[in-house]
Amino acid sequence: MNTFLVGGAVRDELLGYPVHERDWVVVGATPQEMLDSGFRQVGRDFPVFLHPDTGEEYALARTERKSGHGYGGFTVFAEPSVTLEEDLLRRDLTINAIAKDSEGRLVDPYDGRADLEQKLLRHVSPAFAEDPLRILRVARFAARYHHLGFRVAPETMALMRDIVNAGEVQHLVAERTWKEVSRALLERDPQVFIEVLRECGALAILLPELEALFGVPQPAKHHPEIDTGAHVLLALRQAPVSLPVRFAVLLHDLGKGVTPAEILPAHHGHEAAGLPLVKAVCKRLACPRGERALALAVCEYHLHCHRAFELQPKTVFKIIKALDALRRPQRFEHFLSACQADAQGRAGLQDRPYPQADYLRAALAACNRVEPRQFVTRGLEGAELGEALHRARIRAIAQVSREAPFD
């Protein structure tokens, strides 16, 4: 029984990246031997075990044979006779198919180190095409290592296109797709994830509402980059490292993809037009409620945020109520961050100030300073109390608007 460190831990160590978790492959062992050694088996589909002390994952060396569609359409063979090289052959990219033995020696049968040096994301074998999820993984790695100069190898991109053309992407399950999308949005260059999916044709299958934005013009006065899809990628690049914020930025302009051709490059009413599209994407990806709620709010109210200084205090309070900001201040902060990324995600305008965010923060703070107690002591309750609080908070916002020179 021999144990090898594999996958991301070896790859990132060679790249000089911090290693946060380690995965191991065990060659020459049976499940019973692992259990007898104190390991705890997890899952039923694959022979994976947790170390009794470290909790790290140890998987028996295995091979796979495609038996159906999608991520789960595989028959697994795990026996003591399976070699390390056979196990590494089933992996997606050569840079993920490097192992290290207990003496620190590298086992690299598929030239992963050479591809690291050449900054190539290259598939290990034609078996790559058997799992459409690998398209998303490659795009995610492209987003992670873009700043180092990594690119998808031409032959791997061609294979990804073949997977798309074969219709395999349609068999991806929502939970697995969301997991990869959510991880990719937290990478250093999330816009690269979208670019790679576009290049291989997968974006049109997975997110046709987003694909529809590319080539759609916007007024040059507000969007020097013109192209709506290009704007979304610029905004995504400006967004802070936050999954709810980046997901909302990704979807905020979907309504522009259905603007009638006769009114282009204007996009009147694109906020309302985008709401059913955002709902459709969220349902398809089975995304969490929090991400869905913020994406809908940003889609509906991002222009209100941009025009904050033009709004009446009652309209500002409408936004605060719509976002449930008095109870969920973090969601309101995420909303402001997404709107700022939208405003700054434009060619040449990435450094322009966005004082609207500070104004709306001050408006929320003013609302929070209105104490219900002062009205309760007057004997108000129920609808009367609610109405008194409503009017007082609007007055508080009006005071902020008069006093603070945010713009």
Protein backbone atom coordinates (compact mmCIF):
# COMPACT_ATOMS: atom_id res chain seq x y z
CA MET A 1 0.00 0.00 0.00
CA ASN A 2 1.55 3.28 -1.18
CA THR A 3 0.22 6.79 -0.62
CA PHE A 4 0.75 9.78 -2.91
CA LEU A 5 -0.13 13.46 -2.62
CA VAL A 6 -2.00 14.42 -5.79
CA GLY A 7 -3.87 17.13 -7.64
CA GLY A 8 -4.16 20.73 -6.59
CA ALA A 9 -1.81 20.51 -3.63
CA VAL A 10 1.07 19.41 -5.85
CA ARG A 11 0.16 21.87 -8.61
CA ASP A 12 -0.08 24.88 -6.31
CA GLU A 13 3.07 23.96 -4.44
CA LEU A 14 4.97 23.96 -7.74
CA LEU A 15 3.40 27.33 -8.62
CA GLY A 16 4.33 28.79 -5.25
CA TYR A 17 0.67 29.11 -4.25
CA PRO A 18 -0.48 28.48 -0.69
CA VAL A 19 -1.86 24.96 -0.22
CA HIS A 20 -5.09 24.94 1.78
CA GLU A 21 -6.13 21.32 1.44
CA ARG A 22 -4.47 18.11 0.41
CA ASP A 23 -5.82 15.05 -1.39
CA TRP A 24 -4.20 11.65 -1.44
CA VAL A 25 -4.32 8.55 -3.63
CA VAL A 26 -3.72 5.12 -2.13
CA VAL A 27 -2.35 2.44 -4.46
CA GLY A 28 -2.55 -1.27 -3.66
CA ALA A 29 -5.20 -1.18 -0.92
CA THR A 30 -8.74 -2.48 -0.49
CA PRO A 31 -11.64 -0.68 1.21
CA GLN A 32 -11.47 -3.14 4.10
CA GLU A 33 -7.79 -2.43 4.65
CA MET A 34 -8.58 1.29 4.81
CA LEU A 35 -11.34 0.67 7.35
CA ASP A 36 -9.08 -1.59 9.39
CA SER A 37 -6.53 1.25 9.52
CA GLY A 38 -9.09 3.57 11.10
CA PHE A 39 -10.21 5.46 7.99
CA ARG A 40 -13.87 6.40 7.62
CA GLN A 41 -15.52 5.85 4.23
CA VAL A 42 -17.56 8.74 2.79
CA GLY A 43 -19.97 8.61 -0.10
CA ARG A 44 -21.17 5.57 -1.96
CA ASP A 45 -20.10 6.27 -5.54
CA PHE A 46 -16.34 6.48 -5.08
CA PRO A 47 -13.92 4.72 -2.71
CA VAL A 48 -12.97 7.81 -0.70
CA PHE A 49 -11.95 7.77 2.96
CA LEU A 50 -11.21 10.33 5.67
CA HIS A 51 -8.00 10.08 7.67
CA PRO A 52 -8.77 9.37 11.34
CA ASP A 53 -6.50 12.19 12.57
CA THR A 54 -6.25 14.87 9.86
CA GLY A 55 -9.65 14.44 8.21
CA GLU A 56 -7.97 14.68 4.79
CA GLU A 57 -9.37 12.69 1.89
CA TYR A 58 -7.70 9.49 0.75
CA ALA A 59 -9.07 7.88 -2.42
CA LEU A 60 -8.22 4.43 -3.69
CA ALA A 61 -6.57 4.48 -7.08
CA ARG A 62 -9.30 4.00 -9.66
CA THR A 63 -10.21 4.02 -13.30
CA GLU A 64 -13.51 5.14 -14.81
CA ARG A 65 -15.57 4.08 -17.79
CA LYS A 66 -18.30 6.25 -19.25
CA SER A 67 -21.69 4.60 -18.86
CA GLY A 68 -24.12 7.51 -19.23
CA HIS A 69 -24.44 11.27 -19.63
CA GLY A 70 -23.13 14.03 -17.41
CA TYR A 71 -20.98 14.17 -14.32
CA GLY A 72 -22.35 11.01 -12.73
CA GLY A 73 -22.44 8.84 -15.84
CA PHE A 74 -19.40 6.71 -14.99
CA THR A 75 -18.64 3.19 -13.79
CA VAL A 76 -15.78 3.19 -11.29
CA PHE A 77 -13.20 0.40 -11.00
CA ALA A 78 -11.07 0.51 -7.83
CA GLU A 79 -8.89 -2.50 -7.10
CA PRO A 80 -5.39 -2.95 -5.64
CA SER A 81 -4.18 -3.68 -9.19
CA VAL A 82 -4.92 -0.14 -10.43
CA THR A 83 -1.64 1.75 -10.85
CA LEU A 84 -0.90 5.37 -10.00
CA GLU A 85 -0.37 6.14 -13.70
CA GLU A 86 -3.81 4.71 -14.51
CA ASP A 87 -5.38 6.82 -11.81
CA LEU A 88 -3.66 9.99 -13.02
CA LEU A 89 -4.72 9.25 -16.60
CA ARG A 90 -8.41 9.78 -15.70
CA ARG A 91 -7.78 13.34 -14.43
CA ASP A 92 -8.75 16.44 -16.37
CA LEU A 93 -5.59 18.52 -16.90
CA THR A 94 -1.94 17.56 -17.00
CA ILE A 95 -1.16 20.12 -14.29
CA ASN A 96 -3.59 18.23 -12.04
CA ALA A 97 -2.09 14.84 -12.89
CA ILE A 98 1.16 15.21 -10.95
CA ALA A 99 1.76 13.16 -7.80
CA LYS A 100 4.34 13.26 -5.04
CA ASP A 101 5.48 10.23 -3.07
CA SER A 102 6.40 9.98 0.59
CA GLU A 103 10.01 10.88 -0.23
CA GLY A 104 9.01 14.09 -2.00
CA ARG A 105 9.70 12.73 -5.48
CA LEU A 106 7.38 13.80 -8.26
CA VAL A 107 5.53 11.32 -10.46
CA ASP A 108 4.63 13.14 -13.67
CA PRO A 109 3.74 10.69 -16.46
CA TYR A 110 1.82 13.22 -18.56
CA ASP A 111 4.24 16.18 -18.53
CA GLY A 112 2.30 18.39 -16.16
CA ARG A 113 5.44 20.21 -15.03
CA ALA A 114 6.27 21.15 -18.61
CA ASP A 115 2.76 22.55 -19.05
CA LEU A 116 3.15 24.52 -15.83
CA GLU A 117 6.30 26.07 -17.23
CA GLN A 118 4.61 26.78 -20.58
CA LYS A 119 1.50 28.06 -18.73
CA LEU A 120 -0.82 25.69 -20.58
CA LEU A 121 -4.12 24.20 -19.49
CA ARG A 122 -4.02 20.96 -21.46
CA HIS A 123 -6.14 17.82 -21.13
CA VAL A 124 -4.51 14.57 -20.12
CA SER A 125 -6.27 12.24 -22.56
CA PRO A 126 -9.24 12.03 -24.93
CA ALA A 127 -11.25 10.76 -21.94
CA PHE A 128 -11.53 14.45 -20.99
CA ALA A 129 -14.48 14.61 -23.39
CA GLU A 130 -16.48 12.13 -21.31
CA ASP A 131 -17.29 14.65 -18.57
CA PRO A 132 -18.82 17.99 -19.62
CA LEU A 133 -18.20 19.43 -16.15
CA ARG A 134 -14.55 19.64 -17.15
CA ILE A 135 -15.39 22.54 -19.45
CA LEU A 136 -16.35 24.58 -16.40
CA ARG A 137 -13.29 23.44 -14.47
CA VAL A 138 -10.93 24.48 -17.26
CA ALA A 139 -12.64 27.86 -17.51
CA ARG A 140 -12.32 28.25 -13.74
CA PHE A 141 -8.61 27.44 -13.79
CA ALA A 142 -8.19 29.92 -16.64
CA ALA A 143 -9.77 32.58 -14.39
CA ARG A 144 -7.57 31.60 -11.45
CA TYR A 145 -4.24 31.63 -13.26
CA HIS A 146 -4.88 34.27 -15.94
CA HIS A 147 -2.66 36.79 -14.15
CA LEU A 148 0.23 34.34 -14.43
CA GLY A 149 -0.22 34.11 -18.20
CA PHE A 150 -1.97 30.74 -18.39
CA ARG A 151 -4.10 29.94 -21.43
CA VAL A 152 -6.17 27.01 -22.64
CA ALA A 153 -4.22 24.81 -25.04
CA PRO A 154 -5.66 24.98 -28.59
CA GLU A 155 -6.24 21.22 -28.72
CA THR A 156 -8.10 21.35 -25.40
CA MET A 157 -10.27 24.23 -26.58
CA ALA A 158 -11.09 22.23 -29.70
CA LEU A 159 -12.09 19.26 -27.55
CA MET A 160 -14.27 21.52 -25.39
CA ARG A 161 -16.06 22.70 -28.53
CA ASP A 162 -16.61 19.07 -29.52
CA ILE A 163 -18.22 18.39 -26.13
CA VAL A 164 -20.55 21.34 -26.61
CA ASN A 165 -21.43 20.32 -30.17
CA ALA A 166 -22.17 16.77 -29.00
CA GLY A 167 -24.86 18.13 -26.68
CA GLU A 168 -23.19 16.92 -23.49
CA VAL A 169 -23.40 20.28 -21.71
CA GLN A 170 -27.20 19.96 -21.53
CA HIS A 171 -26.74 17.01 -19.18
CA LEU A 172 -24.99 19.00 -16.46
CA VAL A 173 -27.00 19.05 -13.24
CA ALA A 174 -27.83 22.40 -11.66
CA GLU A 175 -26.04 21.77 -8.37
CA ARG A 176 -22.73 20.89 -10.01
CA THR A 177 -22.98 23.80 -12.43
CA TRP A 178 -23.71 26.25 -9.63
CA LYS A 179 -20.78 24.92 -7.62
CA GLU A 180 -18.38 25.59 -10.47
CA VAL A 181 -19.92 28.97 -11.37
CA SER A 182 -19.83 30.13 -7.75
CA ARG A 183 -16.21 29.06 -7.33
CA ALA A 184 -15.22 30.70 -10.62
CA LEU A 185 -16.83 34.00 -9.65
CA LEU A 186 -14.52 34.15 -6.63
CA GLU A 187 -11.35 33.70 -8.69
CA ARG A 188 -8.91 36.53 -9.37
CA ASP A 189 -10.18 37.18 -12.91
CA PRO A 190 -13.78 35.95 -13.04
CA GLN A 191 -14.40 37.61 -16.41
CA VAL A 192 -11.97 35.09 -17.95
CA PHE A 193 -14.30 32.27 -16.89
CA ILE A 194 -17.05 33.80 -19.02
CA GLU A 195 -14.67 34.47 -21.92
CA VAL A 196 -13.55 30.83 -22.04
CA LEU A 197 -17.13 29.56 -21.91
CA ARG A 198 -17.98 31.89 -24.79
CA GLU A 199 -15.02 30.75 -26.85
CA CYS A 200 -15.98 27.09 -26.67
CA GLY A 201 -19.71 27.75 -27.13
CA ALA A 202 -20.79 26.60 -23.66
CA LEU A 203 -22.04 30.01 -22.52
CA ALA A 204 -24.83 29.96 -25.13
CA ILE A 205 -26.04 26.68 -23.61
CA LEU A 206 -25.58 27.40 -19.92
CA LEU A 207 -26.39 31.12 -19.83
CA PRO A 208 -28.04 32.09 -23.13
CA GLU A 209 -29.37 35.27 -21.50
CA LEU A 210 -25.79 36.42 -20.91
CA GLU A 211 -24.56 35.28 -24.32
CA ALA A 212 -27.31 37.44 -25.86
CA LEU A 213 -25.68 40.62 -24.50
CA PHE A 214 -22.57 40.37 -26.66
CA GLY A 215 -22.90 42.53 -29.75
CA VAL A 216 -25.76 44.58 -28.29
CA PRO A 217 -24.85 48.32 -28.46
CA GLN A 218 -25.28 50.92 -25.71
CA PRO A 219 -25.03 54.73 -25.88
CA ALA A 220 -21.37 55.72 -26.16
CA LYS A 221 -21.99 58.69 -23.86
CA HIS A 222 -22.50 56.38 -20.89
CA HIS A 223 -20.71 53.28 -22.18
CA PRO A 224 -17.53 54.03 -24.12
CA GLU A 225 -17.04 50.27 -24.57
CA ILE A 226 -20.39 50.21 -26.50
CA ASP A 227 -20.89 46.42 -26.34
CA THR A 228 -23.17 45.32 -23.48
CA GLY A 229 -21.41 42.01 -23.00
CA ALA A 230 -18.05 43.75 -22.81
CA HIS A 231 -19.50 46.09 -20.19
CA VAL A 232 -20.66 43.18 -18.02
CA LEU A 233 -17.17 41.68 -18.10
CA LEU A 234 -15.61 45.04 -17.19
CA ALA A 235 -18.07 45.40 -14.31
CA LEU A 236 -17.34 41.87 -13.14
CA ARG A 237 -13.67 42.71 -13.05
CA GLN A 238 -14.41 45.78 -10.91
CA ALA A 239 -16.58 43.91 -8.41
CA PRO A 240 -15.13 43.01 -5.00
CA VAL A 241 -14.47 39.38 -4.12
CA SER A 242 -17.99 38.52 -2.99
CA LEU A 243 -20.15 35.80 -4.51
CA PRO A 244 -23.49 37.64 -4.07
CA VAL A 245 -22.05 40.85 -5.50
CA ARG A 246 -20.34 39.26 -8.48
CA PHE A 247 -23.35 37.09 -9.31
CA ALA A 248 -25.60 40.16 -9.21
CA VAL A 249 -23.17 42.09 -11.44
CA LEU A 250 -23.12 39.19 -13.90
CA LEU A 251 -26.91 39.35 -14.30
CA HIS A 252 -27.69 43.03 -13.77
CA ASP A 253 -28.13 43.97 -17.45
CA LEU A 254 -29.83 40.86 -18.84
CA GLY A 255 -32.79 43.00 -19.89
CA LYS A 256 -30.65 44.69 -22.52
CA GLY A 257 -30.53 41.42 -24.42
CA VAL A 258 -34.25 41.70 -25.23
CA THR A 259 -34.38 45.42 -26.08
CA PRO A 260 -36.34 45.97 -29.32
CA ALA A 261 -33.94 46.61 -32.18
CA GLU A 262 -35.74 49.78 -33.24
CA ILE A 263 -34.83 51.67 -30.03
CA LEU A 264 -31.16 50.65 -29.84
CA PRO A 265 -28.74 51.80 -28.56
CA ALA A 266 -31.19 53.05 -25.89
CA HIS A 267 -32.48 50.51 -23.39
CA HIS A 268 -35.58 52.02 -21.84
CA GLY A 269 -37.13 49.71 -19.27
CA HIS A 270 -34.34 47.16 -19.34
CA GLU A 271 -34.48 46.82 -15.55
CA ALA A 272 -38.04 45.44 -15.55
CA ALA A 273 -37.36 43.43 -18.70
CA GLY A 274 -34.44 41.75 -16.98
CA LEU A 275 -36.32 40.49 -13.93
CA PRO A 276 -37.89 37.38 -15.52
CA LEU A 277 -34.53 36.56 -17.11
CA VAL A 278 -32.73 36.77 -13.76
CA LYS A 279 -35.40 34.54 -12.23
CA ALA A 280 -34.94 32.02 -15.04
CA VAL A 281 -31.16 31.89 -14.57
CA CYS A 282 -31.47 31.50 -10.81
CA LYS A 283 -33.96 28.67 -11.21
CA ARG A 284 -31.81 26.91 -13.81
CA LEU A 285 -28.70 27.10 -11.62
CA ALA A 286 -30.60 26.37 -8.38
CA CYS A 287 -28.69 29.23 -6.76
CA PRO A 288 -29.22 30.10 -3.07
CA ARG A 289 -31.96 32.51 -1.99
CA GLY A 290 -29.56 35.23 -0.91
CA GLU A 291 -27.82 35.38 -4.28
CA ARG A 292 -31.19 35.36 -6.05
CA ALA A 293 -32.59 38.18 -3.89
CA LEU A 294 -29.59 40.44 -4.45
CA ALA A 295 -29.46 39.73 -8.19
CA LEU A 296 -33.11 40.71 -8.56
CA ALA A 297 -32.64 43.86 -6.48
CA VAL A 298 -29.60 45.01 -8.45
CA CYS A 299 -31.38 44.30 -11.74
CA GLU A 300 -34.41 46.33 -10.70
CA TYR A 301 -32.80 49.24 -8.84
CA HIS A 302 -29.27 49.80 -10.19
CA LEU A 303 -30.34 52.86 -12.20
CA HIS A 304 -32.05 54.26 -9.10
CA CYS A 305 -28.74 53.95 -7.32
CA HIS A 306 -26.85 55.73 -10.11
CA ARG A 307 -29.40 58.56 -10.01
CA ALA A 308 -29.57 58.72 -6.22
CA PHE A 309 -28.99 62.49 -6.08
CA GLU A 310 -31.95 63.06 -8.41
CA LEU A 311 -34.38 60.99 -6.34
CA GLN A 312 -36.98 62.27 -3.94
CA PRO A 313 -36.43 61.16 -0.30
CA LYS A 314 -39.53 58.96 -0.51
CA THR A 315 -38.03 57.14 -3.51
CA VAL A 316 -34.75 56.61 -1.65
CA PHE A 317 -36.74 55.12 1.21
CA LYS A 318 -38.55 52.89 -1.29
CA ILE A 319 -35.19 51.40 -2.28
CA ILE A 320 -34.21 50.93 1.36
CA LYS A 321 -37.50 49.12 2.03
CA ALA A 322 -37.28 47.03 -1.14
CA LEU A 323 -33.86 45.77 -0.07
CA ASP A 324 -35.04 45.20 3.52
CA ALA A 325 -31.97 47.26 4.43
CA LEU A 326 -33.11 48.08 7.97
CA ARG A 327 -33.00 44.39 8.82
CA ARG A 328 -30.36 43.27 6.31
CA PRO A 329 -27.69 45.99 6.15
CA GLN A 330 -25.17 43.57 4.64
CA ARG A 331 -27.44 43.01 1.63
CA PHE A 332 -27.65 46.79 1.21
CA GLU A 333 -23.84 47.01 1.24
CA HIS A 334 -23.70 44.27 -1.38
CA PHE A 335 -26.23 46.20 -3.46
CA LEU A 336 -24.12 49.36 -3.30
CA SER A 337 -20.96 47.41 -4.22
CA ALA A 338 -22.66 45.85 -7.24
CA CYS A 339 -23.98 49.23 -8.43
CA GLN A 340 -20.54 50.79 -8.03
CA ALA A 341 -18.99 47.97 -10.07
CA ASP A 342 -21.60 48.63 -12.76
CA ALA A 343 -20.80 52.36 -12.80
CA GLN A 344 -17.04 51.81 -12.90
CA GLY A 345 -17.09 48.82 -15.25
CA ARG A 346 -16.86 51.01 -18.33
CA ALA A 347 -13.93 51.65 -20.63
CA GLY A 348 -11.69 54.32 -19.12
CA LEU A 349 -14.04 55.03 -16.19
CA GLN A 350 -12.87 52.40 -13.72
CA ASP A 351 -11.44 55.00 -11.31
CA ARG A 352 -14.24 57.55 -11.32
CA PRO A 353 -15.76 58.31 -7.90
CA TYR A 354 -19.12 56.87 -6.91
CA PRO A 355 -20.46 59.20 -4.18
CA GLN A 356 -23.97 57.78 -4.58
CA ALA A 357 -22.95 54.85 -2.37
CA ASP A 358 -21.96 57.11 0.55
CA TYR A 359 -25.15 59.13 0.18
CA LEU A 360 -27.33 56.01 0.35
CA ARG A 361 -25.34 54.69 3.30
CA ALA A 362 -25.99 57.97 5.10
CA ALA A 363 -29.67 57.74 4.20
CA LEU A 364 -29.88 54.28 5.74
CA ALA A 365 -28.03 55.45 8.85
CA ALA A 366 -30.52 58.31 9.20
CA CYS A 367 -33.41 55.87 9.00
CA ASN A 368 -31.83 53.71 11.67
CA ARG A 369 -31.63 56.69 14.02
CA VAL A 370 -35.41 57.07 13.99
CA GLU A 371 -36.48 55.36 17.20
CA PRO A 372 -39.92 53.70 17.34
CA ARG A 373 -39.94 54.37 21.09
CA GLN A 374 -40.67 58.07 20.66
CA PHE A 375 -43.90 57.24 18.83
CA VAL A 376 -44.89 54.40 21.13
CA THR A 377 -44.73 56.76 24.11
CA ARG A 378 -47.27 58.95 22.30
CA GLY A 379 -49.65 56.02 22.27
CA LEU A 380 -49.26 55.12 18.61
CA GLU A 381 -49.52 51.49 17.62
CA GLY A 382 -50.28 49.26 14.64
CA ALA A 383 -50.83 51.02 11.33
CA GLU A 384 -50.54 54.46 12.92
CA LEU A 385 -47.14 53.60 14.37
CA GLY A 386 -45.97 52.24 11.01
CA GLU A 387 -47.11 55.34 9.16
CA ALA A 388 -45.43 57.65 11.69
CA LEU A 389 -42.14 55.76 11.35
CA HIS A 390 -42.44 55.86 7.55
CA ARG A 391 -42.89 59.66 7.50
CA ALA A 392 -40.13 60.23 10.07
CA ARG A 393 -37.63 58.18 8.07
CA ILE A 394 -38.41 60.06 4.87
CA ARG A 395 -37.86 63.34 6.76
CA ALA A 396 -34.54 61.99 8.05
CA ILE A 397 -33.46 61.18 4.48
CA ALA A 398 -34.50 64.66 3.35
CA GLN A 399 -32.29 66.14 6.07
CA VAL A 400 -29.33 64.09 4.86
CA SER A 401 -30.01 65.23 1.30
CA ARG A 402 -29.94 68.89 2.34
CA GLU A 403 -26.88 68.78 4.60
CA ALA A 404 -24.39 66.37 3.11
CA PRO A 405 -22.37 67.42 0.01
CA PHE A 406 -21.84 63.89 -1.29
CA ASP A 407 -21.90 64.93 -4.92
